[in-house]
C-alpha cells in the first residue's frame, strides 16, 4: 500500500479513504496486504487531482464513477453506430 500511495503522490490513508468510499476494492495478498491494479491506481490518481483542488473525497469518488460511466456510454454508442453502418451496407442501386 505504501508503494502504491507513493506512485500516485498520496498517503496510505488516502488510499484507505478511497476504499472506504467504495471507489474500488483492492485485492488482498495471502498476507493481507492491499494490492492495487493499474486501473485502480489511475482512479486513485484522478481522485487525488480532484481532492487537491478542494473537492471532498466522497464527491471526487462520485465524479470519477460518473466519468467512467460516461466513457463507457461513449464507447457503446460508437460500437452501435459502427454496427448500424455495417448493417445498412451500400445503398440499393449503387
Protein backbone atom coordinates (compact mmCIF):
# COMPACT_ATOMS: atom_id res chain seq x y z
CA UNK A 1 0.00 0.00 0.00
CA UNK A 2 2.84 2.37 0.79
CA UNK A 3 4.37 1.85 -2.64
CA UNK A 4 1.02 2.36 -4.37
CA UNK A 5 0.44 5.58 -2.43
CA UNK A 6 3.94 6.77 -3.32
CA UNK A 7 3.31 6.07 -7.02
CA UNK A 8 0.36 8.47 -7.11
CA UNK A 9 1.76 11.03 -4.69
CA UNK A 10 -0.68 10.28 -1.90
CA UNK A 11 -0.67 8.69 1.53
CA UNK A 12 -1.78 5.19 2.51
CA UNK A 13 -4.59 6.85 4.49
CA UNK A 14 -5.83 8.45 1.26
CA UNK A 15 -5.97 5.05 -0.46
CA UNK A 16 -7.83 3.62 2.54
CA UNK A 17 -10.30 6.52 2.32
CA UNK A 18 -10.96 5.72 -1.35
CA UNK A 19 -11.64 2.11 -0.38
CA UNK A 20 -14.00 3.23 2.39
CA UNK A 21 -15.77 5.48 -0.14
CA UNK A 22 -16.14 2.35 -2.31
CA UNK A 23 -14.37 3.81 -5.32
CA UNK A 24 -12.67 0.42 -5.60
CA UNK A 25 -11.88 -2.64 -3.51
CA UNK A 26 -8.22 -3.64 -3.64
CA UNK A 27 -7.33 -7.29 -3.77
CA UNK A 28 -5.60 -8.77 -0.73
CA UNK A 29 -2.42 -10.81 -0.74
CA UNK A 30 -2.22 -14.00 1.30
CA UNK A 31 -0.53 -11.91 3.98
CA UNK A 32 -3.46 -9.45 3.99
CA UNK A 33 -1.67 -6.63 2.16
CA UNK A 34 -3.73 -4.49 -0.20
CA UNK A 35 -2.89 -4.91 -3.88
CA UNK A 36 -3.96 -2.32 -6.44
CA UNK A 37 -4.41 -2.80 -10.17
CA UNK A 38 -3.17 -0.24 -12.68
CA UNK A 39 -6.78 0.77 -13.28
CA UNK A 40 -7.35 1.33 -9.56
CA UNK A 41 -4.18 3.41 -9.38
CA UNK A 42 -5.42 5.55 -12.30
CA UNK A 43 -8.69 6.11 -10.44
CA UNK A 44 -6.79 6.96 -7.26
CA UNK A 45 -4.58 9.44 -9.14
CA UNK A 46 -7.68 11.11 -10.60
CA UNK A 47 -9.22 11.27 -7.13
CA UNK A 48 -6.05 12.88 -5.80
CA UNK A 49 -6.23 15.51 -8.56
CA UNK A 50 -9.80 16.36 -7.61
CA UNK A 51 -9.09 16.40 -3.87
CA UNK A 52 -6.05 18.59 -4.43
CA UNK A 53 -8.37 21.20 -5.98
CA UNK A 54 -10.62 21.17 -2.92
CA UNK A 55 -13.17 18.51 -3.82
CA UNK A 56 -14.21 16.33 -0.86
CA UNK A 57 -13.20 12.66 -1.18
CA UNK A 58 -16.76 11.34 -1.40
CA UNK A 59 -17.66 13.87 -4.11
CA UNK A 60 -14.43 13.10 -6.01
CA UNK A 61 -15.33 9.41 -5.97
CA UNK A 62 -18.80 10.13 -7.34
CA UNK A 63 -17.35 12.32 -10.10
CA UNK A 64 -14.95 9.54 -11.07
CA UNK A 65 -17.74 6.95 -11.21
CA UNK A 66 -19.79 9.27 -13.43
CA UNK A 67 -16.80 9.98 -15.69
CA UNK A 68 -16.22 6.24 -16.02
CA UNK A 69 -19.89 5.63 -16.86
CA UNK A 70 -19.85 8.41 -19.44
CA UNK A 71 -16.73 7.00 -21.09
CA UNK A 72 -18.36 3.55 -21.25
CA UNK A 73 -21.54 5.05 -22.75
CA UNK A 74 -19.49 6.81 -25.44
CA UNK A 75 -17.72 3.54 -26.22
CA UNK A 76 -21.00 1.64 -26.51
CA UNK A 77 -22.56 4.36 -28.67
CA UNK A 78 -19.62 4.19 -31.05
CA UNK A 79 -19.93 0.39 -31.28
CA UNK A 80 -23.64 0.69 -32.02
CA UNK A 81 -23.01 3.39 -34.62
CA UNK A 82 -20.44 1.22 -36.37
CA UNK A 83 -22.74 -1.82 -36.25
CA UNK A 84 -25.62 0.21 -37.71
CA UNK A 85 -23.40 1.46 -40.54
CA UNK A 86 -22.20 -2.08 -41.28
CA UNK A 87 -25.78 -3.40 -41.28
CA UNK A 88 -27.06 -0.70 -43.63
CA UNK A 89 -24.44 -1.53 -46.24
CA UNK A 90 -24.36 0.25 -49.58
CA UNK A 91 -27.49 1.95 -50.80
CA UNK A 92 -29.61 -0.05 -53.33
CA UNK A 93 -28.69 0.72 -56.92
CA UNK A 94 -25.17 1.83 -56.03
